[in-house]
Amino acid sequence: MKSWFKIISWLFVSLLVVGAVTFLAIKYFDVLMRGFESVKGEVIRQKNRFFGGSCCDFGDDDELEEAEEL
């Protein structure tokens, strides 16, 4: 009898935790997306800094337009 009570209580607690996390994710979806975009932008900047070089670094808009014409 006690083992069933433990199983049922663990299931209830698990359901409660999953529901609370889901509710918070839905409620603060815009905050999560802004954070995701911020992290994604930082990763892209780091990648460009790591892999970037003089061949791909366009400082002026004129240089960018010339590269697009090619």
Protein backbone atom coordinates (compact mmCIF):
# COMPACT_ATOMS: atom_id res chain seq x y z
CA MET A 1 0.00 0.00 0.00
CA LYS A 2 2.83 2.41 0.84
CA SER A 3 4.62 1.72 -2.44
CA TRP A 4 1.49 2.72 -4.41
CA PHE A 5 1.26 5.90 -2.38
CA LYS A 6 4.89 6.72 -3.22
CA ILE A 7 4.34 6.06 -6.91
CA ILE A 8 1.17 8.16 -7.02
CA SER A 9 2.79 11.00 -5.07
CA TRP A 10 5.86 11.00 -7.38
CA LEU A 11 3.59 11.06 -10.42
CA PHE A 12 1.61 13.95 -8.96
CA VAL A 13 4.76 15.93 -8.12
CA SER A 14 6.20 15.25 -11.58
CA LEU A 15 2.98 16.38 -13.24
CA LEU A 16 2.93 19.49 -11.09
CA VAL A 17 6.53 20.38 -11.95
CA VAL A 18 6.03 19.80 -15.68
CA GLY A 19 2.85 21.87 -15.60
CA ALA A 20 4.54 24.73 -13.74
CA VAL A 21 7.49 24.79 -16.15
CA THR A 22 5.14 24.71 -19.14
CA PHE A 23 3.00 27.50 -17.70
CA LEU A 24 6.05 29.69 -17.05
CA ALA A 25 7.45 28.99 -20.53
CA ILE A 26 4.15 30.04 -22.12
CA LYS A 27 3.78 33.09 -19.92
CA TYR A 28 7.33 34.35 -20.48
CA PHE A 29 7.74 33.21 -24.08
CA ASP A 30 8.71 36.68 -25.31
CA VAL A 31 11.41 36.98 -22.64
CA LEU A 32 12.75 33.55 -23.57
CA MET A 33 12.82 34.48 -27.27
CA ARG A 34 14.65 37.76 -26.59
CA GLY A 35 17.21 35.85 -24.53
CA PHE A 36 17.58 33.26 -27.27
CA GLU A 37 18.10 35.98 -29.91
CA SER A 38 20.69 37.65 -27.69
CA VAL A 39 22.62 34.41 -27.20
CA LYS A 40 22.34 33.57 -30.90
CA GLY A 41 23.68 37.01 -31.86
CA GLU A 42 26.58 36.65 -29.46
CA VAL A 43 27.47 33.22 -30.87
CA ILE A 44 27.34 34.58 -34.42
CA ARG A 45 29.57 37.52 -33.46
CA GLN A 46 32.05 35.15 -31.82
CA LYS A 47 32.02 32.89 -34.87
CA ASN A 48 32.58 35.84 -37.20
CA ARG A 49 35.39 37.09 -35.01
CA PHE A 50 37.00 33.64 -34.98
CA PHE A 51 36.57 32.82 -38.67
CA GLY A 52 36.56 36.37 -40.02
CA GLY A 53 39.49 37.89 -41.75
CA SER A 54 40.45 40.58 -44.17
CA CYS A 55 38.80 38.68 -47.01
CA CYS A 56 35.37 38.78 -45.44
CA ASP A 57 35.48 41.88 -43.26
CA PHE A 58 33.66 44.74 -44.96
CA GLY A 59 34.22 47.99 -43.12
CA ASP A 60 32.50 50.33 -45.58
CA ASP A 61 29.20 50.02 -47.36
CA ASP A 62 30.97 50.71 -50.67
CA GLU A 63 33.12 47.62 -50.25
CA LEU A 64 30.03 45.59 -49.41
CA GLU A 65 28.23 46.80 -52.53
CA GLU A 66 31.26 45.96 -54.67
CA ALA A 67 31.36 42.46 -53.22
CA GLU A 68 27.64 41.98 -53.87
CA GLU A 69 28.11 42.97 -57.53
CA LEU A 70 30.62 40.16 -58.00
